[in-house]
């Protein structure tokens, strides 16, 4: 069964850090496009970071220099390390995946992903 399950969300003060984790099952993340998305109150879902099979990473401008996406292919985990968190980062964070051959490139587009987790809430207070 293809599944993504996120964990690691919580409440932190501005300037704090969190690490989100996403456990993948039923498919190889090593050959997939993987990504993190978020949706804040009253906002559309937006791409935060993505990584592909070559290890190429891309980030939304709003998180560059603060967030880092990484993955453990052997253990099938995707991570999002978030530093210098701001209240504007408050959102439900979801991981997403898209397989295919040849392996798809990193992307921040919602429509480029077909498998989604349910999300983990991140709340940053000022």
PDB file of N, CA and C in Angstrom:
ATOM      1  N   UNK A   1       0.844  -1.194   0.000  1.00  0.00           N
ATOM      2  CA  UNK A   1       0.000   0.000   0.000  1.00  0.00           C
ATOM      3  C   UNK A   1       0.880   1.245   0.000  1.00  0.00           C
ATOM      4  N   UNK A   2       0.645   2.119  -0.971  1.00  0.00           N
ATOM      5  CA  UNK A   2       1.399   3.367  -1.060  1.00  0.00           C
ATOM      6  C   UNK A   2       0.888   4.321   0.020  1.00  0.00           C
ATOM      7  N   UNK A   3       1.796   4.786   0.856  1.00  0.00           N
ATOM      8  CA  UNK A   3       1.374   5.618   1.975  1.00  0.00           C
ATOM      9  C   UNK A   3       2.479   6.564   2.409  1.00  0.00           C
ATOM     10  N   UNK A   4       2.089   7.738   2.866  1.00  0.00           N
ATOM     11  CA  UNK A   4       3.000   8.723   3.443  1.00  0.00           C
ATOM     12  C   UNK A   4       2.419   9.157   4.783  1.00  0.00           C
ATOM     13  N   UNK A   5       3.236   9.131   5.816  1.00  0.00           N
ATOM     14  CA  UNK A   5       2.776   9.518   7.149  1.00  0.00           C
ATOM     15  C   UNK A   5       3.763  10.509   7.751  1.00  0.00           C
ATOM     16  N   UNK A   6       3.275  11.704   8.036  1.00  0.00           N
ATOM     17  CA  UNK A   6       4.128  12.757   8.582  1.00  0.00           C
ATOM     18  C   UNK A   6       4.120  12.758  10.109  1.00  0.00           C
ATOM     19  N   UNK A   7       5.200  13.299  10.667  1.00  0.00           N
ATOM     20  CA  UNK A   7       5.301  13.483  12.109  1.00  0.00           C
ATOM     21  C   UNK A   7       6.278  14.620  12.388  1.00  0.00           C
ATOM     22  N   UNK A   8       6.294  15.074  13.635  1.00  0.00           N
ATOM     23  CA  UNK A   8       7.276  16.072  14.038  1.00  0.00           C
ATOM     24  C   UNK A   8       6.764  17.493  14.174  1.00  0.00           C
ATOM     25  N   UNK A   9       5.496  17.709  13.833  1.00  0.00           N
ATOM     26  CA  UNK A   9       4.955  19.050  13.975  1.00  0.00           C
ATOM     27  C   UNK A   9       4.781  19.423  15.433  1.00  0.00           C
ATOM     28  N   UNK A  10       4.449  20.678  15.673  1.00  0.00           N
ATOM     29  CA  UNK A  10       4.243  21.133  17.046  1.00  0.00           C
ATOM     30  C   UNK A  10       4.174  22.640  17.118  1.00  0.00           C
ATOM     31  N   UNK A  11       4.240  23.136  18.335  1.00  0.00           N
ATOM     32  CA  UNK A  11       4.182  24.581  18.573  1.00  0.00           C
ATOM     33  C   UNK A  11       5.542  25.064  19.057  1.00  0.00           C
ATOM     34  N   UNK A  12       6.051  26.113  18.419  1.00  0.00           N
ATOM     35  CA  UNK A  12       7.340  26.686  18.787  1.00  0.00           C
ATOM     36  C   UNK A  12       7.240  28.200  18.765  1.00  0.00           C
ATOM     37  N   UNK A  13       8.181  28.847  19.425  1.00  0.00           N
ATOM     38  CA  UNK A  13       8.248  30.303  19.383  1.00  0.00           C
ATOM     39  C   UNK A  13       9.046  30.751  18.165  1.00  0.00           C
ATOM     40  N   UNK A  14       8.802  31.971  17.777  1.00  0.00           N
ATOM     41  CA  UNK A  14       9.524  32.557  16.659  1.00  0.00           C
ATOM     42  C   UNK A  14      11.034  32.427  16.879  1.00  0.00           C
ATOM     43  N   UNK A  15      11.742  32.012  15.835  1.00  0.00           N
ATOM     44  CA  UNK A  15      13.180  31.790  15.927  1.00  0.00           C
ATOM     45  C   UNK A  15      13.552  30.363  16.253  1.00  0.00           C
ATOM     46  N   UNK A  16      12.574  29.554  16.592  1.00  0.00           N
ATOM     47  CA  UNK A  16      12.827  28.166  16.952  1.00  0.00           C
ATOM     48  C   UNK A  16      12.999  27.259  15.743  1.00  0.00           C
ATOM     49  N   UNK A  17      13.193  25.974  16.043  1.00  0.00           N
ATOM     50  CA  UNK A  17      13.434  24.980  14.993  1.00  0.00           C
ATOM     51  C   UNK A  17      12.552  23.757  15.199  1.00  0.00           C
ATOM     52  N   UNK A  18      12.273  23.089  14.097  1.00  0.00           N
ATOM     53  CA  UNK A  18      11.565  21.813  14.122  1.00  0.00           C
ATOM     54  C   UNK A  18      12.108  20.950  12.993  1.00  0.00           C
ATOM     55  N   UNK A  19      11.994  19.634  13.176  1.00  0.00           N
ATOM     56  CA  UNK A  19      12.290  18.713  12.095  1.00  0.00           C
ATOM     57  C   UNK A  19      11.061  17.869  11.820  1.00  0.00           C
ATOM     58  N   UNK A  20      10.545  17.975  10.613  1.00  0.00           N
ATOM     59  CA  UNK A  20       9.420  17.149  10.191  1.00  0.00           C
ATOM     60  C   UNK A  20       9.956  15.881   9.531  1.00  0.00           C
ATOM     61  N   UNK A  21       9.245  14.785   9.759  1.00  0.00           N
ATOM     62  CA  UNK A  21       9.610  13.514   9.154  1.00  0.00           C
ATOM     63  C   UNK A  21       8.420  12.957   8.384  1.00  0.00           C
ATOM     64  N   UNK A  22       8.716  12.206   7.353  1.00  0.00           N
ATOM     65  CA  UNK A  22       7.672  11.581   6.543  1.00  0.00           C
ATOM     66  C   UNK A  22       8.108  10.157   6.240  1.00  0.00           C
ATOM     67  N   UNK A  23       7.328   9.205   6.722  1.00  0.00           N
ATOM     68  CA  UNK A  23       7.612   7.795   6.485  1.00  0.00           C
ATOM     69  C   UNK A  23       6.879   7.339   5.239  1.00  0.00           C
ATOM     70  N   UNK A  24       7.626   6.790   4.303  1.00  0.00           N
ATOM     71  CA  UNK A  24       7.046   6.321   3.049  1.00  0.00           C
ATOM     72  C   UNK A  24       6.982   4.799   3.032  1.00  0.00           C
ATOM     73  N   UNK A  25       5.933   4.267   2.450  1.00  0.00           N
ATOM     74  CA  UNK A  25       5.816   2.824   2.303  1.00  0.00           C
ATOM     75  C   UNK A  25       5.122   2.504   0.985  1.00  0.00           C
ATOM     76  N   UNK A  26       5.459   1.348   0.437  1.00  0.00           N
ATOM     77  CA  UNK A  26       4.791   0.879  -0.777  1.00  0.00           C
ATOM     78  C   UNK A  26       5.420   1.338  -2.075  1.00  0.00           C
ATOM     79  N   UNK A  27       6.481   2.141  -2.011  1.00  0.00           N
ATOM     80  CA  UNK A  27       7.143   2.583  -3.240  1.00  0.00           C
ATOM     81  C   UNK A  27       8.549   3.059  -2.874  1.00  0.00           C
ATOM     82  N   UNK A  28       9.451   3.099  -3.868  1.00  0.00           N
ATOM     83  CA  UNK A  28      10.835   3.525  -3.587  1.00  0.00           C
ATOM     84  C   UNK A  28      10.992   5.043  -3.668  1.00  0.00           C
ATOM     85  N   UNK A  29      11.330   5.694  -2.570  1.00  0.00           N
ATOM     86  CA  UNK A  29      11.507   7.150  -2.634  1.00  0.00           C
ATOM     87  C   UNK A  29      12.790   7.516  -3.370  1.00  0.00           C
ATOM     88  N   UNK A  30      13.694   6.552  -3.496  1.00  0.00           N
ATOM     89  CA  UNK A  30      14.979   6.837  -4.142  1.00  0.00           C
ATOM     90  C   UNK A  30      14.828   7.202  -5.613  1.00  0.00           C
ATOM     91  N   UNK A  31      13.758   6.751  -6.254  1.00  0.00           N
ATOM     92  CA  UNK A  31      13.546   7.058  -7.663  1.00  0.00           C
ATOM     93  C   UNK A  31      12.342   7.965  -7.875  1.00  0.00           C
ATOM     94  N   UNK A  32      11.857   8.558  -6.800  1.00  0.00           N
ATOM     95  CA  UNK A  32      10.661   9.404  -6.883  1.00  0.00           C
ATOM     96  C   UNK A  32      10.993  10.869  -6.678  1.00  0.00           C
ATOM     97  N   UNK A  33      10.099  11.699  -7.133  1.00  0.00           N
ATOM     98  CA  UNK A  33      10.112  13.114  -6.799  1.00  0.00           C
ATOM     99  C   UNK A  33       9.432  13.224  -5.440  1.00  0.00           C
ATOM    100  N   UNK A  34      10.077  13.853  -4.474  1.00  0.00           N
ATOM    101  CA  UNK A  34       9.530  14.017  -3.134  1.00  0.00           C
ATOM    102  C   UNK A  34       9.416  15.504  -2.809  1.00  0.00           C
ATOM    103  N   UNK A  35       8.411  15.850  -2.015  1.00  0.00           N
ATOM    104  CA  UNK A  35       8.245  17.263  -1.700  1.00  0.00           C
ATOM    105  C   UNK A  35       7.529  17.513  -0.392  1.00  0.00           C
ATOM    106  N   UNK A  36       7.680  18.709   0.111  1.00  0.00           N
ATOM    107  CA  UNK A  36       6.947  19.200   1.268  1.00  0.00           C
ATOM    108  C   UNK A  36       6.103  20.392   0.825  1.00  0.00           C
ATOM    109  N   UNK A  37       4.853  20.373   1.251  1.00  0.00           N
ATOM    110  CA  UNK A  37       3.920  21.453   0.950  1.00  0.00           C
ATOM    111  C   UNK A  37       3.298  21.942   2.249  1.00  0.00           C
ATOM    112  N   UNK A  38       2.728  23.137   2.218  1.00  0.00           N
ATOM    113  CA  UNK A  38       2.050  23.633   3.409  1.00  0.00           C
ATOM    114  C   UNK A  38       0.816  24.434   2.999  1.00  0.00           C
ATOM    115  N   UNK A  39      -0.126  24.473   3.919  1.00  0.00           N
ATOM    116  CA  UNK A  39      -1.349  25.229   3.702  1.00  0.00           C
ATOM    117  C   UNK A  39      -1.727  25.917   4.991  1.00  0.00           C
ATOM    118  N   UNK A  40      -1.619  27.248   4.984  1.00  0.00           N
ATOM    119  CA  UNK A  40      -1.975  28.041   6.143  1.00  0.00           C
ATOM    120  C   UNK A  40      -3.454  28.378   6.131  1.00  0.00           C
ATOM    121  N   UNK A  41      -3.964  28.939   7.228  1.00  0.00           N
ATOM    122  CA  UNK A  41      -5.374  29.318   7.309  1.00  0.00           C
ATOM    123  C   UNK A  41      -5.757  30.282   6.198  1.00  0.00           C
ATOM    124  N   UNK A  42      -6.773  29.931   5.427  1.00  0.00           N
ATOM    125  CA  UNK A  42      -7.248  30.804   4.372  1.00  0.00           C
ATOM    126  C   UNK A  42      -6.325  30.920   3.172  1.00  0.00           C
ATOM    127  N   UNK A  43      -5.343  30.028   3.097  1.00  0.00           N
ATOM    128  CA  UNK A  43      -4.385  30.084   1.991  1.00  0.00           C
ATOM    129  C   UNK A  43      -4.449  28.828   1.143  1.00  0.00           C
ATOM    130  N   UNK A  44      -3.942  28.941  -0.061  1.00  0.00           N
ATOM    131  CA  UNK A  44      -3.846  27.769  -0.919  1.00  0.00           C
ATOM    132  C   UNK A  44      -2.611  26.960  -0.533  1.00  0.00           C
ATOM    133  N   UNK A  45      -2.628  25.694  -0.888  1.00  0.00           N
ATOM    134  CA  UNK A  45      -1.465  24.853  -0.649  1.00  0.00           C
ATOM    135  C   UNK A  45      -0.304  25.341  -1.506  1.00  0.00           C
ATOM    136  N   UNK A  46       0.871  25.429  -0.894  1.00  0.00           N
ATOM    137  CA  UNK A  46       2.052  25.905  -1.625  1.00  0.00           C
ATOM    138  C   UNK A  46       3.229  24.964  -1.427  1.00  0.00           C
ATOM    139  N   UNK A  47       4.051  24.858  -2.447  1.00  0.00           N
ATOM    140  CA  UNK A  47       5.248  24.041  -2.357  1.00  0.00           C
ATOM    141  C   UNK A  47       6.304  24.731  -1.525  1.00  0.00           C
ATOM    142  N   UNK A  48       6.941  23.974  -0.648  1.00  0.00           N
ATOM    143  CA  UNK A  48       7.973  24.500   0.238  1.00  0.00           C
ATOM    144  C   UNK A  48       9.353  24.034  -0.213  1.00  0.00           C
ATOM    145  N   UNK A  49       9.496  22.740  -0.454  1.00  0.00           N
ATOM    146  CA  UNK A  49      10.783  22.179  -0.840  1.00  0.00           C
ATOM    147  C   UNK A  49      10.557  20.866  -1.565  1.00  0.00           C
ATOM    148  N   UNK A  50      11.491  20.531  -2.434  1.00  0.00           N
ATOM    149  CA  UNK A  50      11.398  19.286  -3.182  1.00  0.00           C
ATOM    150  C   UNK A  50      12.788  18.740  -3.453  1.00  0.00           C
ATOM    151  N   UNK A  51      12.864  17.400  -3.579  1.00  0.00           N
ATOM    152  CA  UNK A  51      14.120  16.732  -3.875  1.00  0.00           C
ATOM    153  C   UNK A  51      13.852  15.626  -4.871  1.00  0.00           C
ATOM    154  N   UNK A  52      14.794  15.382  -5.777  1.00  0.00           N
ATOM    155  CA  UNK A  52      14.590  14.315  -6.750  1.00  0.00           C
ATOM    156  C   UNK A  52      15.660  13.234  -6.598  1.00  0.00           C
ATOM    157  N   UNK A  53      15.650  12.254  -7.505  1.00  0.00           N
ATOM    158  CA  UNK A  53      16.524  11.089  -7.366  1.00  0.00           C
ATOM    159  C   UNK A  53      18.000  11.440  -7.520  1.00  0.00           C
ATOM    160  N   UNK A  54      18.299  12.567  -8.160  1.00  0.00           N
ATOM    161  CA  UNK A  54      19.692  13.007  -8.301  1.00  0.00           C
ATOM    162  C   UNK A  54      20.170  13.766  -7.074  1.00  0.00           C
ATOM    163  N   UNK A  55      19.248  14.021  -6.145  1.00  0.00           N
ATOM    164  CA  UNK A  55      19.592  14.808  -4.971  1.00  0.00           C
ATOM    165  C   UNK A  55      19.436  16.302  -5.191  1.00  0.00           C
ATOM    166  N   UNK A  56      18.923  16.680  -6.357  1.00  0.00           N
ATOM    167  CA  UNK A  56      18.683  18.096  -6.624  1.00  0.00           C
ATOM    168  C   UNK A  56      17.549  18.592  -5.733  1.00  0.00           C
ATOM    169  N   UNK A  57      17.767  19.733  -5.102  1.00  0.00           N
ATOM    170  CA  UNK A  57      16.751  20.310  -4.222  1.00  0.00           C
ATOM    171  C   UNK A  57      16.343  21.694  -4.718  1.00  0.00           C
ATOM    172  N   UNK A  58      15.088  22.026  -4.498  1.00  0.00           N
ATOM    173  CA  UNK A  58      14.592  23.366  -4.798  1.00  0.00           C
ATOM    174  C   UNK A  58      13.731  23.821  -3.624  1.00  0.00           C
ATOM    175  N   UNK A  59      13.675  25.136  -3.439  1.00  0.00           N
ATOM    176  CA  UNK A  59      12.951  25.704  -2.299  1.00  0.00           C
ATOM    177  C   UNK A  59      12.125  26.911  -2.726  1.00  0.00           C
ATOM    178  N   UNK A  60      11.052  27.114  -2.005  1.00  0.00           N
ATOM    179  CA  UNK A  60      10.301  28.355  -2.164  1.00  0.00           C
ATOM    180  C   UNK A  60      11.175  29.509  -1.663  1.00  0.00           C
ATOM    181  N   UNK A  61      11.054  30.659  -2.284  1.00  0.00           N
ATOM    182  CA  UNK A  61      11.871  31.806  -1.891  1.00  0.00           C
ATOM    183  C   UNK A  61      11.690  32.151  -0.414  1.00  0.00           C
ATOM    184  N   UNK A  62      10.486  31.933   0.091  1.00  0.00           N
ATOM    185  CA  UNK A  62      10.179  32.321   1.471  1.00  0.00           C
ATOM    186  C   UNK A  62      10.909  31.478   2.518  1.00  0.00           C
ATOM    187  N   UNK A  63      11.454  30.324   2.108  1.00  0.00           N
ATOM    188  CA  UNK A  63      12.115  29.454   3.092  1.00  0.00           C
ATOM    189  C   UNK A  63      13.589  29.219   2.782  1.00  0.00           C
ATOM    190  N   UNK A  64      14.083  29.751   1.678  1.00  0.00           N
ATOM    191  CA  UNK A  64      15.490  29.554   1.316  1.00  0.00           C
ATOM    192  C   UNK A  64      16.411  30.046   2.426  1.00  0.00           C
ATOM    193  N   UNK A  65      17.387  29.215   2.747  1.00  0.00           N
ATOM    194  CA  UNK A  65      18.328  29.575   3.793  1.00  0.00           C
ATOM    195  C   UNK A  65      17.861  29.213   5.189  1.00  0.00           C
ATOM    196  N   UNK A  66      16.594  28.833   5.322  1.00  0.00           N
ATOM    197  CA  UNK A  66      16.050  28.470   6.640  1.00  0.00           C
ATOM    198  C   UNK A  66      15.623  27.002   6.704  1.00  0.00           C
ATOM    199  N   UNK A  67      15.111  26.467   5.607  1.00  0.00           N
ATOM    200  CA  UNK A  67      14.626  25.090   5.565  1.00  0.00           C
ATOM    201  C   UNK A  67      15.571  24.239   4.726  1.00  0.00           C
ATOM    202  N   UNK A  68      15.687  22.960   5.103  1.00  0.00           N
ATOM    203  CA  UNK A  68      16.499  22.013   4.345  1.00  0.00           C
ATOM    204  C   UNK A  68      15.720  20.708   4.199  1.00  0.00           C
ATOM    205  N   UNK A  69      15.604  20.242   2.959  1.00  0.00           N
ATOM    206  CA  UNK A  69      14.946  18.959   2.702  1.00  0.00           C
ATOM    207  C   UNK A  69      16.026  17.893   2.534  1.00  0.00           C
ATOM    208  N   UNK A  70      15.768  16.710   3.076  1.00  0.00           N
ATOM    209  CA  UNK A  70      16.712  15.611   2.934  1.00  0.00           C
ATOM    210  C   UNK A  70      15.937  14.301   2.993  1.00  0.00           C
ATOM    211  N   UNK A  71      16.603  13.216   2.609  1.00  0.00           N
ATOM    212  CA  UNK A  71      15.937  11.920   2.659  1.00  0.00           C
ATOM    213  C   UNK A  71      16.915  10.807   2.959  1.00  0.00           C
ATOM    214  N   UNK A  72      16.388   9.772   3.556  1.00  0.00           N
ATOM    215  CA  UNK A  72      17.139   8.561   3.846  1.00  0.00           C
ATOM    216  C   UNK A  72      16.518   7.469   2.967  1.00  0.00           C
ATOM    217  N   UNK A  73      17.160   7.191   1.856  1.00  0.00           N
ATOM    218  CA  UNK A  73      16.560   6.258   0.905  1.00  0.00           C
ATOM    219  C   UNK A  73      16.444   4.838   1.461  1.00  0.00           C
ATOM    220  N   UNK A  74      17.438   4.431   2.228  1.00  0.00           N
ATOM    221  CA  UNK A  74      17.442   3.066   2.752  1.00  0.00           C
ATOM    222  C   UNK A  74      16.273   2.847   3.716  1.00  0.00           C
ATOM    223  N   UNK A  75      16.007   3.850   4.527  1.00  0.00           N
ATOM    224  CA  UNK A  75      14.965   3.709   5.533  1.00  0.00           C
ATOM    225  C   UNK A  75      13.640   4.315   5.087  1.00  0.00           C
ATOM    226  N   UNK A  76      13.632   4.910   3.890  1.00  0.00           N
ATOM    227  CA  UNK A  76      12.409   5.482   3.327  1.00  0.00           C
ATOM    228  C   UNK A  76      11.829   6.595   4.195  1.00  0.00           C
ATOM    229  N   UNK A  77      12.690   7.541   4.541  1.00  0.00           N
ATOM    230  CA  UNK A  77      12.250   8.695   5.300  1.00  0.00           C
ATOM    231  C   UNK A  77      12.576   9.962   4.522  1.00  0.00           C
ATOM    232  N   UNK A  78      11.664  10.914   4.567  1.00  0.00           N
ATOM    233  CA  UNK A  78      11.870  12.248   4.033  1.00  0.00           C
ATOM    234  C   UNK A  78      11.822  13.207   5.205  1.00  0.00           C
ATOM    235  N   UNK A  79      12.723  14.203   5.192  1.00  0.00           N
ATOM    236  CA  UNK A  79      12.791  15.142   6.304  1.00  0.00           C
ATOM    237  C   UNK A  79      12.683  16.586   5.814  1.00  0.00           C
ATOM    238  N   UNK A  80      12.233  17.441   6.709  1.00  0.00           N
ATOM    239  CA  UNK A  80      12.276  18.883   6.475  1.00  0.00           C
ATOM    240  C   UNK A  80      12.789  19.527   7.756  1.00  0.00           C
ATOM    241  N   UNK A  81      14.019  20.036   7.691  1.00  0.00           N
ATOM    242  CA  UNK A  81      14.618  20.718   8.819  1.00  0.00           C
ATOM    243  C   UNK A  81      14.269  22.197   8.706  1.00  0.00           C
ATOM    244  N   UNK A  82      13.625  22.721   9.726  1.00  0.00           N
ATOM    245  CA  UNK A  82      13.148  24.098   9.676  1.00  0.00           C
ATOM    246  C   UNK A  82      13.793  24.908  10.796  1.00  0.00           C
ATOM    247  N   UNK A  83      14.536  25.939  10.407  1.00  0.00           N
ATOM    248  CA  UNK A  83      15.198  26.819  11.366  1.00  0.00           C
ATOM    249  C   UNK A  83      14.653  28.229  11.233  1.00  0.00           C
ATOM    250  N   UNK A  84      14.930  29.044  12.234  1.00  0.00           N
ATOM    251  CA  UNK A  84      14.500  30.455  12.228  1.00  0.00           C
ATOM    252  C   UNK A  84      13.030  30.585  11.857  1.00  0.00           C
ATOM    253  N   UNK A  85      12.209  29.792  12.489  1.00  0.00           N
ATOM    254  CA  UNK A  85      10.790  29.788  12.169  1.00  0.00           C
ATOM    255  C   UNK A  85      10.139  31.121  12.494  1.00  0.00           C
ATOM    256  N   UNK A  86       9.173  31.463  11.664  1.00  0.00           N
ATOM    257  CA  UNK A  86       8.449  32.735  11.796  1.00  0.00           C
ATOM    258  C   UNK A  86       6.951  32.439  11.894  1.00  0.00           C
ATOM    259  N   UNK A  87       6.175  33.338  12.461  1.00  0.00           N
ATOM    260  CA  UNK A  87       4.719  33.114  12.520  1.00  0.00           C
ATOM    261  C   UNK A  87       4.109  32.835  11.141  1.00  0.00           C
ATOM    262  N   UNK A  88       4.680  33.403  10.094  1.00  0.00           N
ATOM    263  CA  UNK A  88       4.170  33.169   8.737  1.00  0.00           C
ATOM    264  C   UNK A  88       4.360  31.732   8.287  1.00  0.00           C
ATOM    265  N   UNK A  89       5.180  30.960   8.993  1.00  0.00           N
ATOM    266  CA  UNK A  89       5.388  29.546   8.662  1.00  0.00           C
ATOM    267  C   UNK A  89       4.303  28.654   9.252  1.00  0.00           C
ATOM    268  N   UNK A  90       3.412  29.217  10.043  1.00  0.00           N
ATOM    269  CA  UNK A  90       2.323  28.435  10.629  1.00  0.00           C
ATOM    270  C   UNK A  90       1.445  27.857   9.539  1.00  0.00           C
ATOM    271  N   UNK A  91       1.290  26.526   9.551  1.00  0.00           N
ATOM    272  CA  UNK A  91       0.525  25.851   8.502  1.00  0.00           C
ATOM    273  C   UNK A  91       0.451  24.361   8.795  1.00  0.00           C
ATOM    274  N   UNK A  92      -0.387  23.686   8.014  1.00  0.00           N
ATOM    275  CA  UNK A  92      -0.380  22.227   7.973  1.00  0.00           C
ATOM    276  C   UNK A  92       0.633  21.829   6.917  1.00  0.00           C
ATOM    277  N   UNK A  93       1.606  21.030   7.304  1.00  0.00           N
ATOM    278  CA  UNK A  93       2.665  20.602   6.389  1.00  0.00           C
ATOM    279  C   UNK A  93       2.414  19.160   5.953  1.00  0.00           C
ATOM    280  N   UNK A  94       2.469  18.939   4.635  1.00  0.00           N
ATOM    281  CA  UNK A  94       2.247  17.610   4.070  1.00  0.00           C
ATOM    282  C   UNK A  94       3.438  17.213   3.207  1.00  0.00           C
ATOM    283  N   UNK A  95       3.757  15.933   3.230  1.00  0.00           N
ATOM    284  CA  UNK A  95       4.741  15.450   2.280  1.00  0.00           C
ATOM    285  C   UNK A  95       4.006  14.823   1.101  1.00  0.00           C
ATOM    286  N   UNK A  96       4.688  14.781  -0.026  1.00  0.00           N
ATOM    287  CA  UNK A  96       4.080  14.292  -1.253  1.00  0.00           C
ATOM    288  C   UNK A  96       5.122  13.586  -2.090  1.00  0.00           C
ATOM    289  N   UNK A  97       4.654  12.718  -2.971  1.00  0.00           N
ATOM    290  CA  UNK A  97       5.550  11.932  -3.801  1.00  0.00           C
ATOM    291  C   UNK A  97       4.963  11.731  -5.186  1.00  0.00           C
ATOM    292  N   UNK A  98       5.879  11.535  -6.125  1.00  0.00           N
ATOM    293  CA  UNK A  98       5.465  11.201  -7.483  1.00  0.00           C
ATOM    294  C   UNK A  98       6.537  10.318  -8.098  1.00  0.00           C
ATOM    295  N   UNK A  99       6.144   9.132  -8.509  1.00  0.00           N
ATOM    296  CA  UNK A  99       7.068   8.222  -9.156  1.00  0.00           C
ATOM    297  C   UNK A  99       6.997   8.356 -10.661  1.00  0.00           C
ATOM    298  N   UNK A 100       7.725   7.502 -11.343  1.00  0.00           N
ATOM    299  CA  UNK A 100       7.702   7.522 -12.796  1.00  0.00           C
ATOM    300  C   UNK A 100       9.054   7.160 -13.365  1.00  0.00           C
ATOM    301  N   UNK A 101       9.074   6.934 -14.663  1.00  0.00           N
ATOM    302  CA  UNK A 101      10.338   6.636 -15.354  1.00  0.00           C
ATOM    303  C   UNK A 101      10.364   7.380 -16.675  1.00  0.00           C
ATOM    304  N   UNK A 102      11.407   8.166 -16.945  1.00  0.00           N
ATOM    305  CA  UNK A 102      12.541   8.398 -16.043  1.00  0.00           C
ATOM    306  C   UNK A 102      12.126   9.116 -14.766  1.00  0.00           C
ATOM    307  N   UNK A 103      12.941   9.041 -13.755  1.00  0.00           N
ATOM    308  CA  UNK A 103      12.619   9.649 -12.465  1.00  0.00           C
ATOM    309  C   UNK A 103      12.333  11.142 -12.650  1.00  0.00           C
ATOM    310  N   UNK A 104      11.206  11.605 -12.125  1.00  0.00           N
ATOM    311  CA  UNK A 104      10.834  13.005 -12.318  1.00  0.00           C
ATOM    312  C   UNK A 104      11.726  13.967 -11.538  1.00  0.00           C
ATOM    313  N   UNK A 105      11.871  15.162 -12.103  1.00  0.00           N
ATOM    314  CA  UNK A 105      12.688  16.203 -11.484  1.00  0.00           C
ATOM    315  C   UNK A 105      11.944  16.845 -10.317  1.00  0.00           C
ATOM    316  N   UNK A 106      12.695  17.496  -9.448  1.00  0.00           N
ATOM    317  CA  UNK A 106      12.103  18.195  -8.309  1.00  0.00           C
ATOM    318  C   UNK A 106      11.114  19.258  -8.801  1.00  0.00           C
ATOM    319  N   UNK A 107      10.074  19.460  -8.020  1.00  0.00           N
ATOM    320  CA  UNK A 107       9.043  20.426  -8.409  1.00  0.00           C
ATOM    321  C   UNK A 107       8.336  20.960  -7.171  1.00  0.00           C
ATOM    322  N   UNK A 108       7.809  22.182  -7.291  1.00  0.00           N
ATOM    323  CA  UNK A 108       7.020  22.773  -6.204  1.00  0.00           C
ATOM    324  C   UNK A 108       5.552  22.909  -6.596  1.00  0.00           C
ATOM    325  N   UNK A 109       5.186  22.267  -7.709  1.00  0.00           N
ATOM    326  CA  UNK A 109       3.811  22.355  -8.181  1.00  0.00           C
ATOM    327  C   UNK A 109       2.952  21.254  -7.566  1.00  0.00           C
ATOM    328  N   UNK A 110       1.814  21.622  -7.022  1.00  0.00           N
ATOM    329  CA  UNK A 110       0.896  20.649  -6.431  1.00  0.00           C
ATOM    330  C   UNK A 110       0.506  19.583  -7.441  1.00  0.00           C
ATOM    331  N   UNK A 111       0.287  20.001  -8.669  1.00  0.00           N
ATOM    332  CA  UNK A 111      -0.189  19.082  -9.704  1.00  0.00           C
ATOM    333  C   UNK A 111       0.875  18.089 -10.170  1.00  0.00           C
ATOM    334  N   UNK A 112       2.108  18.250  -9.750  1.00  0.00           N
ATOM    335  CA  UNK A 112       3.184  17.328 -10.111  1.00  0.00           C
ATOM    336  C   UNK A 112       3.332  16.175  -9.127  1.00  0.00           C
ATOM    337  N   UNK A 113       2.417  16.080  -8.166  1.00  0.00           N
ATOM    338  CA  UNK A 113       2.500  15.030  -7.156  1.00  0.00           C
ATOM    339  C   UNK A 113       1.175  14.266  -7.076  1.00  0.00           C
ATOM    340  N   UNK A 114       1.298  12.935  -6.946  1.00  0.00           N
ATOM    341  CA  UNK A 114       0.092  12.127  -6.929  1.00  0.00           C
ATOM    342  C   UNK A 114      -0.205  11.424  -5.622  1.00  0.00           C
ATOM    343  N   UNK A 115       0.776  11.374  -4.738  1.00  0.00           N
ATOM    344  CA  UNK A 115       0.602  10.697  -3.454  1.00  0.00           C
ATOM    345  C   UNK A 115       0.820  11.720  -2.348  1.00  0.00           C
ATOM    346  N   UNK A 116      -0.099  11.776  -1.402  1.00  0.00           N
ATOM    347  CA  UNK A 116      -0.053  12.793  -0.350  1.00  0.00           C
ATOM    348  C   UNK A 116      -0.257  12.181   1.032  1.00  0.00           C
ATOM    349  N   UNK A 117       0.439  12.745   2.005  1.00  0.00           N
ATOM    350  CA  UNK A 117       0.177  12.396   3.383  1.00  0.00           C
ATOM    351  C   UNK A 117      -0.923  13.283   3.935  1.00  0.00           C
ATOM    352  N   UNK A 118      -1.342  12.991   5.168  1.00  0.00           N
ATOM    353  CA  UNK A 118      -2.421  13.759   5.767  1.00  0.00           C
ATOM    354  C   UNK A 118      -1.942  15.043   6.428  1.00  0.00           C
ATOM    355  N   UNK A 119      -0.681  15.110   6.744  1.00  0.00           N
ATOM    356  CA  UNK A 119      -0.129  16.349   7.259  1.00  0.00           C
ATOM    357  C   UNK A 119       0.152  16.364   8.737  1.00  0.00           C
ATOM    358  N   UNK A 120       0.987  17.328   9.132  1.00  0.00           N
ATOM    359  CA  UNK A 120       1.301  17.576  10.540  1.00  0.00           C
ATOM    360  C   UNK A 120       1.303  19.087  10.751  1.00  0.00           C
ATOM    361  N   UNK A 121       0.703  19.542  11.848  1.00  0.00           N
ATOM    362  CA  UNK A 121       0.518  20.966  12.086  1.00  0.00           C
ATOM    363  C   UNK A 121       1.756  21.600  12.705  1.00  0.00           C
ATOM    364  N   UNK A 122       2.136  22.739  12.162  1.00  0.00           N
ATOM    365  CA  UNK A 122       3.221  23.547  12.716  1.00  0.00           C
ATOM    366  C   UNK A 122       2.649  24.909  13.088  1.00  0.00           C
ATOM    367  N   UNK A 123       2.841  25.309  14.331  1.00  0.00           N
ATOM    368  CA  UNK A 123       2.357  26.598  14.804  1.00  0.00           C
ATOM    369  C   UNK A 123       3.516  27.378  15.405  1.00  0.00           C
ATOM    370  N   UNK A 124       3.744  28.574  14.886  1.00  0.00           N
ATOM    371  CA  UNK A 124       4.841  29.410  15.360  1.00  0.00           C
ATOM    372  C   UNK A 124       4.250  30.671  15.988  1.00  0.00           C
ATOM    373  N   UNK A 125       4.572  30.906  17.237  1.00  0.00           N
ATOM    374  CA  UNK A 125       4.049  32.072  17.944  1.00  0.00           C
ATOM    375  C   UNK A 125       5.121  33.151  18.062  1.00  0.00           C
ATOM    376  N   UNK A 126       4.682  34.382  18.072  1.00  0.00           N
ATOM    377  CA  UNK A 126       5.628  35.505  18.135  1.00  0.00           C
ATOM    378  C   UNK A 126       6.006  35.831  19.563  1.00  0.00           C
TER     379      UNK A 126
END
